[in-house]
Amino acid sequence: MSVPLQTGKLTERSLRVGDSRKIQWRLILELMLTVMGIAIIPVVFGILLDLRLGTAPIVTLTMMFLGLNLGIIAIYRRIGILYLQLAPPDPDEKTQPFGGDPC
């Protein structure tokens, strides 16, 4: 059962009955693989380099720091793209700059 489209921000798909209660497993899997690929793999690579070079925790900590930061940035960008897909900006609406009244 579909509700006719009333506003510009909502799509017919988002108005279907029960559509908002579904878990988006594809997105969850994508974010999980992003965290594993960007945060965990560099740590393992850092441990292997530390063992090979004999530099105790230096490379591991550096790779952990870089991997976690890159993971946060990647997830932030992915969620930003998803947000723009769900609620695109209205081209008719004027955007005010931050800081109050533009007068």
N, C-alpha and C. Protein backbone atom coordinates (compact mmCIF):
# COMPACT_ATOMS: atom_id res chain seq x y z
N MET A 1 0.85 -1.17 0.00
CA MET A 1 0.00 0.00 0.00
C MET A 1 0.89 1.23 0.00
N SER A 2 0.68 2.11 -0.95
CA SER A 2 1.52 3.28 -1.10
C SER A 2 0.71 4.54 -0.87
N VAL A 3 1.30 5.48 -0.17
CA VAL A 3 0.67 6.76 0.10
C VAL A 3 1.12 7.74 -0.97
N PRO A 4 0.23 8.58 -1.52
CA PRO A 4 0.67 9.53 -2.52
C PRO A 4 1.70 10.51 -1.94
N LEU A 5 2.61 10.92 -2.78
CA LEU A 5 3.69 11.79 -2.37
C LEU A 5 3.16 13.19 -2.09
N GLN A 6 3.38 13.70 -0.87
CA GLN A 6 2.86 15.00 -0.48
C GLN A 6 3.95 16.07 -0.41
N THR A 7 5.11 15.71 0.08
CA THR A 7 6.18 16.69 0.25
C THR A 7 7.37 16.33 -0.61
N GLY A 8 8.26 17.28 -0.83
CA GLY A 8 9.42 17.06 -1.67
C GLY A 8 10.52 16.26 -1.00
N LYS A 9 10.54 16.22 0.33
CA LYS A 9 11.63 15.55 1.03
C LYS A 9 11.40 14.06 1.21
N LEU A 10 10.18 13.61 1.15
CA LEU A 10 9.90 12.20 1.35
C LEU A 10 9.66 11.52 0.02
N THR A 11 10.07 10.28 -0.08
CA THR A 11 9.81 9.52 -1.29
C THR A 11 8.67 8.55 -1.01
N GLU A 12 8.11 7.99 -2.08
CA GLU A 12 7.03 7.03 -1.88
C GLU A 12 7.54 5.80 -1.15
N ARG A 13 8.78 5.42 -1.41
CA ARG A 13 9.33 4.23 -0.75
C ARG A 13 9.43 4.43 0.76
N SER A 14 9.79 5.65 1.19
CA SER A 14 9.93 5.88 2.62
C SER A 14 8.57 5.98 3.31
N LEU A 15 7.51 6.14 2.54
CA LEU A 15 6.18 6.24 3.14
C LEU A 15 5.43 4.91 3.19
N ARG A 16 6.01 3.86 2.64
CA ARG A 16 5.34 2.56 2.66
C ARG A 16 5.22 2.03 4.08
N VAL A 17 4.17 1.28 4.31
CA VAL A 17 3.91 0.74 5.64
C VAL A 17 4.99 -0.27 6.01
N GLY A 18 5.59 -0.12 7.19
CA GLY A 18 6.57 -1.07 7.70
C GLY A 18 7.97 -0.89 7.14
N ASP A 19 8.17 0.03 6.23
CA ASP A 19 9.49 0.20 5.61
C ASP A 19 10.50 0.78 6.59
N SER A 20 10.07 1.58 7.55
CA SER A 20 11.00 2.23 8.48
C SER A 20 11.48 1.27 9.57
N ARG A 21 10.86 0.13 9.73
CA ARG A 21 11.23 -0.79 10.80
C ARG A 21 12.19 -1.87 10.33
N LYS A 22 12.49 -1.93 9.05
CA LYS A 22 13.41 -2.94 8.54
C LYS A 22 14.85 -2.56 8.89
N ILE A 23 15.63 -3.56 9.23
CA ILE A 23 17.04 -3.35 9.52
C ILE A 23 17.79 -3.41 8.19
N GLN A 24 18.64 -2.44 7.94
CA GLN A 24 19.40 -2.39 6.71
C GLN A 24 20.70 -3.17 6.90
N TRP A 25 20.62 -4.48 6.68
CA TRP A 25 21.76 -5.36 6.90
C TRP A 25 22.91 -5.05 5.96
N ARG A 26 22.58 -4.60 4.76
CA ARG A 26 23.64 -4.27 3.79
C ARG A 26 24.51 -3.13 4.31
N LEU A 27 23.88 -2.11 4.87
CA LEU A 27 24.63 -0.98 5.43
C LEU A 27 25.46 -1.41 6.63
N ILE A 28 24.87 -2.23 7.50
CA ILE A 28 25.59 -2.71 8.68
C ILE A 28 26.80 -3.54 8.27
N LEU A 29 26.63 -4.42 7.29
CA LEU A 29 27.74 -5.23 6.80
C LEU A 29 28.82 -4.36 6.17
N GLU A 30 28.40 -3.36 5.41
CA GLU A 30 29.36 -2.47 4.76
C GLU A 30 30.19 -1.70 5.80
N LEU A 31 29.53 -1.18 6.84
CA LEU A 31 30.25 -0.45 7.88
C LEU A 31 31.17 -1.38 8.68
N MET A 32 30.72 -2.62 8.92
CA MET A 32 31.55 -3.58 9.64
C MET A 32 32.81 -3.92 8.84
N LEU A 33 32.65 -4.16 7.55
CA LEU A 33 33.80 -4.46 6.71
C LEU A 33 34.73 -3.26 6.59
N THR A 34 34.18 -2.06 6.61
CA THR A 34 35.00 -0.85 6.59
C THR A 34 35.86 -0.76 7.84
N VAL A 35 35.25 -1.03 8.99
CA VAL A 35 36.02 -0.98 10.25
C VAL A 35 37.09 -2.07 10.25
N MET A 36 36.73 -3.26 9.80
CA MET A 36 37.72 -4.34 9.77
C MET A 36 38.85 -4.01 8.80
N GLY A 37 38.52 -3.51 7.64
CA GLY A 37 39.52 -3.27 6.62
C GLY A 37 40.43 -2.10 6.93
N ILE A 38 39.89 -1.07 7.57
CA ILE A 38 40.68 0.12 7.80
C ILE A 38 41.27 0.18 9.20
N ALA A 39 40.65 -0.44 10.17
CA ALA A 39 41.15 -0.35 11.54
C ALA A 39 41.91 -1.59 11.99
N ILE A 40 41.46 -2.77 11.64
CA ILE A 40 42.08 -3.99 12.17
C ILE A 40 43.27 -4.44 11.33
N ILE A 41 43.16 -4.37 10.02
CA ILE A 41 44.25 -4.83 9.16
C ILE A 41 45.54 -4.04 9.37
N PRO A 42 45.50 -2.69 9.50
CA PRO A 42 46.75 -1.98 9.79
C PRO A 42 47.39 -2.38 11.13
N VAL A 43 46.58 -2.71 12.12
CA VAL A 43 47.13 -3.14 13.41
C VAL A 43 47.87 -4.46 13.25
N VAL A 44 47.28 -5.39 12.54
CA VAL A 44 47.94 -6.68 12.29
C VAL A 44 49.22 -6.46 11.50
N PHE A 45 49.17 -5.60 10.49
CA PHE A 45 50.35 -5.28 9.71
C PHE A 45 51.42 -4.62 10.59
N GLY A 46 51.01 -3.75 11.52
CA GLY A 46 51.95 -3.12 12.44
C GLY A 46 52.60 -4.12 13.38
N ILE A 47 51.84 -5.09 13.86
CA ILE A 47 52.40 -6.14 14.73
C ILE A 47 53.44 -6.95 13.97
N LEU A 48 53.11 -7.31 12.74
CA LEU A 48 54.07 -8.08 11.94
C LEU A 48 55.34 -7.28 11.65
N LEU A 49 55.19 -5.99 11.38
CA LEU A 49 56.37 -5.16 11.16
C LEU A 49 57.20 -5.00 12.43
N ASP A 50 56.51 -4.85 13.57
CA ASP A 50 57.23 -4.75 14.84
C ASP A 50 58.03 -6.01 15.12
N LEU A 51 57.46 -7.16 14.86
CA LEU A 51 58.18 -8.42 15.08
C LEU A 51 59.38 -8.53 14.15
N ARG A 52 59.18 -8.10 12.92
CA ARG A 52 60.26 -8.22 11.93
C ARG A 52 61.39 -7.21 12.18
N LEU A 53 61.02 -5.97 12.55
CA LEU A 53 62.02 -4.92 12.74
C LEU A 53 62.54 -4.82 14.17
N GLY A 54 61.84 -5.43 15.10
CA GLY A 54 62.24 -5.38 16.51
C GLY A 54 62.00 -4.01 17.14
N THR A 55 60.97 -3.33 16.71
CA THR A 55 60.67 -1.99 17.23
C THR A 55 59.46 -2.02 18.16
N ALA A 56 59.45 -2.96 19.07
CA ALA A 56 58.38 -3.15 20.07
C ALA A 56 57.04 -2.57 19.65
N PRO A 57 56.45 -1.60 20.36
CA PRO A 57 55.09 -1.20 19.99
C PRO A 57 55.00 0.04 19.11
N ILE A 58 56.10 0.55 18.59
CA ILE A 58 56.07 1.83 17.89
C ILE A 58 55.25 1.75 16.60
N VAL A 59 55.54 0.81 15.74
CA VAL A 59 54.81 0.70 14.47
C VAL A 59 53.36 0.28 14.71
N THR A 60 53.14 -0.61 15.68
CA THR A 60 51.77 -1.05 15.98
C THR A 60 50.92 0.12 16.45
N LEU A 61 51.43 0.93 17.35
CA LEU A 61 50.66 2.08 17.84
C LEU A 61 50.42 3.11 16.74
N THR A 62 51.41 3.32 15.88
CA THR A 62 51.25 4.26 14.78
C THR A 62 50.18 3.76 13.80
N MET A 63 50.26 2.49 13.45
CA MET A 63 49.27 1.93 12.53
C MET A 63 47.88 1.91 13.16
N MET A 64 47.79 1.66 14.48
CA MET A 64 46.50 1.67 15.16
C MET A 64 45.90 3.07 15.10
N PHE A 65 46.71 4.07 15.38
CA PHE A 65 46.24 5.45 15.35
C PHE A 65 45.76 5.83 13.95
N LEU A 66 46.55 5.54 12.93
CA LEU A 66 46.16 5.86 11.56
C LEU A 66 44.93 5.08 11.11
N GLY A 67 44.88 3.79 11.44
CA GLY A 67 43.75 2.96 11.03
C GLY A 67 42.44 3.39 11.66
N LEU A 68 42.47 3.70 12.96
CA LEU A 68 41.24 4.13 13.62
C LEU A 68 40.76 5.47 13.08
N ASN A 69 41.69 6.39 12.84
CA ASN A 69 41.29 7.69 12.29
C ASN A 69 40.73 7.55 10.88
N LEU A 70 41.37 6.74 10.05
CA LEU A 70 40.85 6.52 8.70
C LEU A 70 39.50 5.82 8.73
N GLY A 71 39.31 4.90 9.68
CA GLY A 71 38.02 4.23 9.82
C GLY A 71 36.91 5.19 10.21
N ILE A 72 37.21 6.10 11.12
CA ILE A 72 36.21 7.09 11.53
C ILE A 72 35.85 7.99 10.36
N ILE A 73 36.85 8.43 9.60
CA ILE A 73 36.59 9.30 8.46
C ILE A 73 35.77 8.57 7.41
N ALA A 74 36.09 7.31 7.14
CA ALA A 74 35.35 6.54 6.13
C ALA A 74 33.89 6.33 6.54
N ILE A 75 33.66 6.00 7.80
CA ILE A 75 32.28 5.81 8.28
C ILE A 75 31.52 7.12 8.28
N TYR A 76 32.18 8.21 8.67
CA TYR A 76 31.55 9.53 8.65
C TYR A 76 31.11 9.90 7.24
N ARG A 77 31.97 9.66 6.26
CA ARG A 77 31.63 9.96 4.87
C ARG A 77 30.48 9.08 4.37
N ARG A 78 30.50 7.81 4.73
CA ARG A 78 29.46 6.88 4.28
C ARG A 78 28.10 7.26 4.86
N ILE A 79 28.08 7.61 6.14
CA ILE A 79 26.82 8.02 6.77
C ILE A 79 26.35 9.35 6.20
N GLY A 80 27.28 10.25 5.86
CA GLY A 80 26.91 11.51 5.23
C GLY A 80 26.25 11.29 3.87
N ILE A 81 26.80 10.36 3.08
CA ILE A 81 26.21 10.03 1.79
C ILE A 81 24.82 9.42 1.98
N LEU A 82 24.69 8.53 2.96
CA LEU A 82 23.39 7.92 3.24
C LEU A 82 22.37 8.97 3.68
N TYR A 83 22.79 9.92 4.50
CA TYR A 83 21.90 10.98 4.95
C TYR A 83 21.41 11.82 3.77
N LEU A 84 22.32 12.15 2.85
CA LEU A 84 21.91 12.93 1.68
C LEU A 84 20.97 12.15 0.77
N GLN A 85 21.11 10.82 0.75
CA GLN A 85 20.19 10.01 -0.04
C GLN A 85 18.80 9.97 0.60
N LEU A 86 18.75 9.95 1.93
CA LEU A 86 17.46 9.87 2.62
C LEU A 86 16.76 11.22 2.68
N ALA A 87 17.50 12.30 2.86
CA ALA A 87 16.92 13.63 2.98
C ALA A 87 17.73 14.61 2.14
N PRO A 88 17.52 14.62 0.83
CA PRO A 88 18.28 15.54 -0.01
C PRO A 88 17.94 16.99 0.30
N PRO A 89 18.89 17.89 0.12
CA PRO A 89 18.60 19.30 0.40
C PRO A 89 17.58 19.85 -0.58
N ASP A 90 16.75 20.74 -0.10
CA ASP A 90 15.71 21.35 -0.92
C ASP A 90 16.31 22.52 -1.67
N PRO A 91 16.31 22.50 -3.02
CA PRO A 91 16.94 23.58 -3.77
C PRO A 91 16.20 24.92 -3.65
N ASP A 92 14.92 24.88 -3.31
CA ASP A 92 14.15 26.11 -3.18
C ASP A 92 14.39 26.82 -1.85
N GLU A 93 14.87 26.09 -0.86
CA GLU A 93 15.06 26.64 0.48
C GLU A 93 16.37 27.42 0.55
N LYS A 94 16.29 28.65 1.06
CA LYS A 94 17.50 29.46 1.21
C LYS A 94 18.28 28.98 2.42
N THR A 95 19.57 28.86 2.27
CA THR A 95 20.40 28.46 3.40
C THR A 95 21.04 29.70 3.98
N GLN A 96 20.97 29.82 5.29
CA GLN A 96 21.59 30.95 5.96
C GLN A 96 22.98 30.55 6.41
N PRO A 97 23.91 31.47 6.32
CA PRO A 97 25.25 31.17 6.83
C PRO A 97 25.23 31.07 8.35
N PHE A 98 26.19 30.33 8.87
CA PHE A 98 26.28 30.22 10.32
C PHE A 98 26.64 31.58 10.92
N GLY A 99 26.16 31.83 12.10
CA GLY A 99 26.52 33.06 12.80
C GLY A 99 25.37 34.03 12.96
N GLY A 100 24.18 33.61 12.59
CA GLY A 100 23.02 34.47 12.86
C GLY A 100 22.52 35.22 11.66
N ASP A 101 21.98 36.41 11.90
CA ASP A 101 21.35 37.24 10.88
C ASP A 101 22.37 37.76 9.89
N PRO A 102 22.14 37.56 8.57
CA PRO A 102 23.11 38.02 7.58
C PRO A 102 23.08 39.53 7.32
N CYS A 103 22.22 40.27 8.02
CA CYS A 103 22.13 41.73 7.79
C CYS A 103 23.35 42.43 8.18
